[in-house]
Amino acid sequence: QIDLDPVDVGSSLPDISKFPVSVENTTDT
């Protein structure tokens, strides 16, 4: 069964945690 819907880039993207935080925030704001 083929899926004829167009490519959904968002669904293929991994969780954002895959890309490292190189500097963490130090305050709530």
PDB file of all heavy atoms in Angstrom:
ATOM      1  N   GLN A   1       0.853  -1.192   0.000  1.00  0.00           N
ATOM      2  CA  GLN A   1       0.000   0.000   0.000  1.00  0.00           C
ATOM      3  C   GLN A   1       0.883   1.235   0.000  1.00  0.00           C
ATOM      4  O   GLN A   1       1.685   1.432   0.915  1.00  0.00           O
ATOM      5  CB  GLN A   1      -0.895   0.003   1.247  1.00  0.00           C
ATOM      6  CG  GLN A   1      -1.948   1.096   1.263  1.00  0.00           C
ATOM      7  CD  GLN A   1      -3.060   0.844   0.255  1.00  0.00           C
ATOM      8  OE1 GLN A   1      -3.433  -0.297   0.019  1.00  0.00           O
ATOM      9  NE2 GLN A   1      -3.568   1.906  -0.347  1.00  0.00           N
ATOM     10  N   ILE A   2       0.771   2.071  -1.041  1.00  0.00           N
ATOM     11  CA  ILE A   2       1.616   3.259  -1.118  1.00  0.00           C
ATOM     12  C   ILE A   2       0.892   4.474  -0.544  1.00  0.00           C
ATOM     13  O   ILE A   2      -0.333   4.542  -0.540  1.00  0.00           O
ATOM     14  CB  ILE A   2       2.075   3.546  -2.559  1.00  0.00           C
ATOM     15  CG1 ILE A   2       0.888   3.842  -3.474  1.00  0.00           C
ATOM     16  CG2 ILE A   2       2.874   2.382  -3.104  1.00  0.00           C
ATOM     17  CD1 ILE A   2       1.308   4.254  -4.880  1.00  0.00           C
ATOM     18  N   ASP A   3       1.666   5.405  -0.069  1.00  0.00           N
ATOM     19  CA  ASP A   3       1.156   6.648   0.519  1.00  0.00           C
ATOM     20  C   ASP A   3       1.391   7.767  -0.485  1.00  0.00           C
ATOM     21  O   ASP A   3       2.528   8.115  -0.782  1.00  0.00           O
ATOM     22  CB  ASP A   3       1.889   6.920   1.835  1.00  0.00           C
ATOM     23  CG  ASP A   3       1.429   8.208   2.507  1.00  0.00           C
ATOM     24  OD1 ASP A   3       0.483   8.848   2.010  1.00  0.00           O
ATOM     25  OD2 ASP A   3       2.033   8.577   3.533  1.00  0.00           O
ATOM     26  N   LEU A   4       0.306   8.322  -1.022  1.00  0.00           N
ATOM     27  CA  LEU A   4       0.420   9.357  -2.049  1.00  0.00           C
ATOM     28  C   LEU A   4       0.441  10.767  -1.482  1.00  0.00           C
ATOM     29  O   LEU A   4       0.520  11.738  -2.232  1.00  0.00           O
ATOM     30  CB  LEU A   4      -0.743   9.231  -3.048  1.00  0.00           C
ATOM     31  CG  LEU A   4      -0.762   7.931  -3.871  1.00  0.00           C
ATOM     32  CD1 LEU A   4      -2.007   7.874  -4.754  1.00  0.00           C
ATOM     33  CD2 LEU A   4       0.495   7.801  -4.713  1.00  0.00           C
ATOM     34  N   ASP A   5       0.389  10.896  -0.158  1.00  0.00           N
ATOM     35  CA  ASP A   5       0.458  12.226   0.446  1.00  0.00           C
ATOM     36  C   ASP A   5       1.832  12.837   0.187  1.00  0.00           C
ATOM     37  O   ASP A   5       2.830  12.115   0.097  1.00  0.00           O
ATOM     38  CB  ASP A   5       0.215  12.151   1.956  1.00  0.00           C
ATOM     39  CG  ASP A   5      -1.221  11.788   2.294  1.00  0.00           C
ATOM     40  OD1 ASP A   5      -2.093  12.038   1.436  1.00  0.00           O
ATOM     41  OD2 ASP A   5      -1.453  11.232   3.380  1.00  0.00           O
ATOM     42  N   PRO A   6       1.918  14.157   0.061  1.00  0.00           N
ATOM     43  CA  PRO A   6       3.227  14.793  -0.154  1.00  0.00           C
ATOM     44  C   PRO A   6       4.152  14.598   1.031  1.00  0.00           C
ATOM     45  O   PRO A   6       3.709  14.249   2.135  1.00  0.00           O
ATOM     46  CB  PRO A   6       2.874  16.274  -0.345  1.00  0.00           C
ATOM     47  CG  PRO A   6       1.532  16.444   0.289  1.00  0.00           C
ATOM     48  CD  PRO A   6       0.826  15.145   0.111  1.00  0.00           C
ATOM     49  N   VAL A   7       5.429  14.827   0.790  1.00  0.00           N
ATOM     50  CA  VAL A   7       6.441  14.663   1.840  1.00  0.00           C
ATOM     51  C   VAL A   7       6.144  15.593   3.015  1.00  0.00           C
ATOM     52  O   VAL A   7       5.901  16.785   2.827  1.00  0.00           O
ATOM     53  CB  VAL A   7       7.848  14.965   1.286  1.00  0.00           C
ATOM     54  CG1 VAL A   7       8.871  14.970   2.409  1.00  0.00           C
ATOM     55  CG2 VAL A   7       8.230  13.948   0.221  1.00  0.00           C
ATOM     56  N   ASP A   8       6.136  15.038   4.204  1.00  0.00           N
ATOM     57  CA  ASP A   8       5.956  15.818   5.433  1.00  0.00           C
ATOM     58  C   ASP A   8       7.307  15.881   6.148  1.00  0.00           C
ATOM     59  O   ASP A   8       7.680  14.950   6.857  1.00  0.00           O
ATOM     60  CB  ASP A   8       4.897  15.174   6.322  1.00  0.00           C
ATOM     61  CG  ASP A   8       4.673  15.931   7.626  1.00  0.00           C
ATOM     62  OD1 ASP A   8       5.233  17.048   7.768  1.00  0.00           O
ATOM     63  OD2 ASP A   8       3.960  15.417   8.505  1.00  0.00           O
ATOM     64  N   VAL A   9       8.023  16.980   5.927  1.00  0.00           N
ATOM     65  CA  VAL A   9       9.362  17.107   6.504  1.00  0.00           C
ATOM     66  C   VAL A   9       9.315  17.058   8.023  1.00  0.00           C
ATOM     67  O   VAL A   9      10.154  16.435   8.681  1.00  0.00           O
ATOM     68  CB  VAL A   9      10.039  18.410   6.026  1.00  0.00           C
ATOM     69  CG1 VAL A   9      11.378  18.605   6.730  1.00  0.00           C
ATOM     70  CG2 VAL A   9      10.244  18.375   4.515  1.00  0.00           C
ATOM     71  N   GLY A  10       8.296  17.702   8.589  1.00  0.00           N
ATOM     72  CA  GLY A  10       8.202  17.765  10.045  1.00  0.00           C
ATOM     73  C   GLY A  10       8.153  16.403  10.701  1.00  0.00           C
ATOM     74  O   GLY A  10       8.775  16.172  11.744  1.00  0.00           O
ATOM     75  N   SER A  11       7.423  15.458  10.084  1.00  0.00           N
ATOM     76  CA  SER A  11       7.285  14.126  10.690  1.00  0.00           C
ATOM     77  C   SER A  11       8.582  13.331  10.643  1.00  0.00           C
ATOM     78  O   SER A  11       8.778  12.405  11.424  1.00  0.00           O
ATOM     79  CB  SER A  11       6.174  13.338   9.984  1.00  0.00           C
ATOM     80  OG  SER A  11       6.535  13.054   8.644  1.00  0.00           O
ATOM     81  N   SER A  12       9.472  13.679   9.706  1.00  0.00           N
ATOM     82  CA  SER A  12      10.742  12.951   9.602  1.00  0.00           C
ATOM     83  C   SER A  12      11.833  13.542  10.489  1.00  0.00           C
ATOM     84  O   SER A  12      12.857  12.896  10.716  1.00  0.00           O
ATOM     85  CB  SER A  12      11.224  12.940   8.147  1.00  0.00           C
ATOM     86  OG  SER A  12      11.638  14.225   7.725  1.00  0.00           O
ATOM     87  N   LEU A  13      11.620  14.749  10.978  1.00  0.00           N
ATOM     88  CA  LEU A  13      12.636  15.385  11.818  1.00  0.00           C
ATOM     89  C   LEU A  13      12.709  14.705  13.180  1.00  0.00           C
ATOM     90  O   LEU A  13      11.677  14.408  13.784  1.00  0.00           O
ATOM     91  CB  LEU A  13      12.314  16.868  12.014  1.00  0.00           C
ATOM     92  CG  LEU A  13      12.518  17.787  10.809  1.00  0.00           C
ATOM     93  CD1 LEU A  13      11.811  19.117  11.031  1.00  0.00           C
ATOM     94  CD2 LEU A  13      13.993  18.012  10.544  1.00  0.00           C
ATOM     95  N   PRO A  14      13.905  14.474  13.692  1.00  0.00           N
ATOM     96  CA  PRO A  14      14.023  13.899  15.037  1.00  0.00           C
ATOM     97  C   PRO A  14      13.658  14.929  16.100  1.00  0.00           C
ATOM     98  O   PRO A  14      13.508  16.123  15.806  1.00  0.00           O
ATOM     99  CB  PRO A  14      15.505  13.527  15.125  1.00  0.00           C
ATOM    100  CG  PRO A  14      16.193  14.486  14.203  1.00  0.00           C
ATOM    101  CD  PRO A  14      15.226  14.716  13.076  1.00  0.00           C
ATOM    102  N   ASP A  15      13.521  14.456  17.328  1.00  0.00           N
ATOM    103  CA  ASP A  15      13.289  15.385  18.428  1.00  0.00           C
ATOM    104  C   ASP A  15      14.429  16.395  18.478  1.00  0.00           C
ATOM    105  O   ASP A  15      15.585  16.062  18.204  1.00  0.00           O
ATOM    106  CB  ASP A  15      13.201  14.615  19.748  1.00  0.00           C
ATOM    107  CG  ASP A  15      12.800  15.509  20.908  1.00  0.00           C
ATOM    108  OD1 ASP A  15      11.599  15.717  21.090  1.00  0.00           O
ATOM    109  OD2 ASP A  15      13.719  16.002  21.608  1.00  0.00           O
ATOM    110  N   ILE A  16      14.107  17.629  18.834  1.00  0.00           N
ATOM    111  CA  ILE A  16      15.096  18.706  18.801  1.00  0.00           C
ATOM    112  C   ILE A  16      16.288  18.414  19.715  1.00  0.00           C
ATOM    113  O   ILE A  16      17.399  18.934  19.490  1.00  0.00           O
ATOM    114  CB  ILE A  16      14.450  20.057  19.182  1.00  0.00           C
ATOM    115  CG1 ILE A  16      15.375  21.221  18.836  1.00  0.00           C
ATOM    116  CG2 ILE A  16      14.059  20.072  20.651  1.00  0.00           C
ATOM    117  CD1 ILE A  16      15.709  21.351  17.373  1.00  0.00           C
ATOM    118  N   SER A  17      16.100  17.553  20.700  1.00  0.00           N
ATOM    119  CA  SER A  17      17.208  17.205  21.613  1.00  0.00           C
ATOM    120  C   SER A  17      18.356  16.522  20.870  1.00  0.00           C
ATOM    121  O   SER A  17      19.463  16.414  21.409  1.00  0.00           O
ATOM    122  CB  SER A  17      16.709  16.295  22.733  1.00  0.00           C
ATOM    123  OG  SER A  17      16.194  15.080  22.205  1.00  0.00           O
ATOM    124  N   LYS A  18      18.104  16.080  19.635  1.00  0.00           N
ATOM    125  CA  LYS A  18      19.166  15.472  18.834  1.00  0.00           C
ATOM    126  C   LYS A  18      20.262  16.486  18.512  1.00  0.00           C
ATOM    127  O   LYS A  18      21.413  16.114  18.248  1.00  0.00           O
ATOM    128  CB  LYS A  18      18.556  14.933  17.532  1.00  0.00           C
ATOM    129  CG  LYS A  18      19.462  14.021  16.750  1.00  0.00           C
ATOM    130  CD  LYS A  18      19.621  12.705  17.475  1.00  0.00           C
ATOM    131  CE  LYS A  18      20.610  11.801  16.770  1.00  0.00           C
ATOM    132  NZ  LYS A  18      20.878  10.586  17.542  1.00  0.00           N
ATOM    133  N   PHE A  19      19.918  17.756  18.537  1.00  0.00           N
ATOM    134  CA  PHE A  19      20.874  18.817  18.234  1.00  0.00           C
ATOM    135  C   PHE A  19      21.276  19.487  19.538  1.00  0.00           C
ATOM    136  O   PHE A  19      20.436  20.039  20.251  1.00  0.00           O
ATOM    137  CB  PHE A  19      20.258  19.812  17.245  1.00  0.00           C
ATOM    138  CG  PHE A  19      19.903  19.162  15.940  1.00  0.00           C
ATOM    139  CD1 PHE A  19      18.639  18.620  15.747  1.00  0.00           C
ATOM    140  CD2 PHE A  19      20.837  19.044  14.927  1.00  0.00           C
ATOM    141  CE1 PHE A  19      18.314  17.986  14.563  1.00  0.00           C
ATOM    142  CE2 PHE A  19      20.527  18.408  13.739  1.00  0.00           C
ATOM    143  CZ  PHE A  19      19.260  17.878  13.550  1.00  0.00           C
ATOM    144  N   PRO A  20      22.552  19.450  19.870  1.00  0.00           N
ATOM    145  CA  PRO A  20      22.988  19.810  21.223  1.00  0.00           C
ATOM    146  C   PRO A  20      22.851  21.297  21.538  1.00  0.00           C
ATOM    147  O   PRO A  20      23.023  22.154  20.670  1.00  0.00           O
ATOM    148  CB  PRO A  20      24.462  19.394  21.222  1.00  0.00           C
ATOM    149  CG  PRO A  20      24.881  19.475  19.781  1.00  0.00           C
ATOM    150  CD  PRO A  20      23.678  19.050  19.003  1.00  0.00           C
ATOM    151  N   VAL A  21      22.538  21.553  22.781  1.00  0.00           N
ATOM    152  CA  VAL A  21      22.606  22.921  23.309  1.00  0.00           C
ATOM    153  C   VAL A  21      24.069  23.187  23.636  1.00  0.00           C
ATOM    154  O   VAL A  21      24.665  22.508  24.469  1.00  0.00           O
ATOM    155  CB  VAL A  21      21.726  23.073  24.561  1.00  0.00           C
ATOM    156  CG1 VAL A  21      21.957  24.429  25.218  1.00  0.00           C
ATOM    157  CG2 VAL A  21      20.255  22.880  24.200  1.00  0.00           C
ATOM    158  N   SER A  22      24.642  24.154  22.963  1.00  0.00           N
ATOM    159  CA  SER A  22      26.065  24.435  23.172  1.00  0.00           C
ATOM    160  C   SER A  22      26.290  25.450  24.293  1.00  0.00           C
ATOM    161  O   SER A  22      27.376  25.505  24.867  1.00  0.00           O
ATOM    162  CB  SER A  22      26.707  24.939  21.871  1.00  0.00           C
ATOM    163  OG  SER A  22      25.990  26.027  21.334  1.00  0.00           O
ATOM    164  N   VAL A  23      25.280  26.255  24.599  1.00  0.00           N
ATOM    165  CA  VAL A  23      25.329  27.165  25.755  1.00  0.00           C
ATOM    166  C   VAL A  23      23.963  27.119  26.436  1.00  0.00           C
ATOM    167  O   VAL A  23      22.930  27.395  25.802  1.00  0.00           O
ATOM    168  CB  VAL A  23      25.646  28.619  25.340  1.00  0.00           C
ATOM    169  CG1 VAL A  23      25.571  29.549  26.557  1.00  0.00           C
ATOM    170  CG2 VAL A  23      27.012  28.704  24.686  1.00  0.00           C
ATOM    171  N   GLU A  24      23.939  26.771  27.715  1.00  0.00           N
ATOM    172  CA  GLU A  24      22.688  26.721  28.470  1.00  0.00           C
ATOM    173  C   GLU A  24      22.346  28.106  29.030  1.00  0.00           C
ATOM    174  O   GLU A  24      23.242  28.881  29.374  1.00  0.00           O
ATOM    175  CB  GLU A  24      22.807  25.732  29.631  1.00  0.00           C
ATOM    176  CG  GLU A  24      22.852  24.269  29.200  1.00  0.00           C
ATOM    177  CD  GLU A  24      21.487  23.706  28.828  1.00  0.00           C
ATOM    178  OE1 GLU A  24      20.498  24.479  28.831  1.00  0.00           O
ATOM    179  OE2 GLU A  24      21.426  22.500  28.531  1.00  0.00           O
ATOM    180  N   ASN A  25      21.056  28.373  29.116  1.00  0.00           N
ATOM    181  CA  ASN A  25      20.612  29.602  29.781  1.00  0.00           C
ATOM    182  C   ASN A  25      20.905  29.505  31.270  1.00  0.00           C
ATOM    183  O   ASN A  25      20.941  28.408  31.848  1.00  0.00           O
ATOM    184  CB  ASN A  25      19.125  29.829  29.556  1.00  0.00           C
ATOM    185  CG  ASN A  25      18.272  28.663  30.020  1.00  0.00           C
ATOM    186  OD1 ASN A  25      18.327  27.593  29.416  1.00  0.00           O
ATOM    187  ND2 ASN A  25      17.491  28.863  31.080  1.00  0.00           N
ATOM    188  N   THR A  26      21.128  30.635  31.901  1.00  0.00           N
ATOM    189  CA  THR A  26      21.445  30.666  33.338  1.00  0.00           C
ATOM    190  C   THR A  26      20.393  31.401  34.153  1.00  0.00           C
ATOM    191  O   THR A  26      20.553  31.561  35.370  1.00  0.00           O
ATOM    192  CB  THR A  26      22.817  31.347  33.553  1.00  0.00           C
ATOM    193  OG1 THR A  26      22.789  32.652  32.961  1.00  0.00           O
ATOM    194  CG2 THR A  26      23.939  30.524  32.931  1.00  0.00           C
ATOM    195  N   THR A  27      19.330  31.842  33.498  1.00  0.00           N
ATOM    196  CA  THR A  27      18.257  32.569  34.186  1.00  0.00           C
ATOM    197  C   THR A  27      16.908  32.071  33.678  1.00  0.00           C
ATOM    198  O   THR A  27      16.815  31.395  32.658  1.00  0.00           O
ATOM    199  CB  THR A  27      18.355  34.085  33.917  1.00  0.00           C
ATOM    200  OG1 THR A  27      18.235  34.308  32.496  1.00  0.00           O
ATOM    201  CG2 THR A  27      19.669  34.655  34.406  1.00  0.00           C
ATOM    202  N   ASP A  28      15.856  32.436  34.403  1.00  0.00           N
ATOM    203  CA  ASP A  28      14.504  32.042  33.978  1.00  0.00           C
ATOM    204  C   ASP A  28      14.044  32.838  32.762  1.00  0.00           C
ATOM    205  O   ASP A  28      13.277  32.329  31.944  1.00  0.00           O
ATOM    206  CB  ASP A  28      13.517  32.247  35.134  1.00  0.00           C
ATOM    207  CG  ASP A  28      13.773  31.275  36.288  1.00  0.00           C
ATOM    208  OD1 ASP A  28      14.344  30.198  36.022  1.00  0.00           O
ATOM    209  OD2 ASP A  28      13.417  31.605  37.435  1.00  0.00           O
ATOM    210  N   THR A  29      14.492  34.064  32.649  1.00  0.00           N
ATOM    211  CA  THR A  29      14.158  34.883  31.482  1.00  0.00           C
ATOM    212  C   THR A  29      15.298  34.765  30.471  1.00  0.00           C
ATOM    213  O   THR A  29      16.422  35.201  30.743  1.00  0.00           O
ATOM    214  CB  THR A  29      13.953  36.363  31.878  1.00  0.00           C
ATOM    215  OG1 THR A  29      12.920  36.444  32.872  1.00  0.00           O
ATOM    216  CG2 THR A  29      13.569  37.201  30.668  1.00  0.00           C
TER     217      THR A  29
END
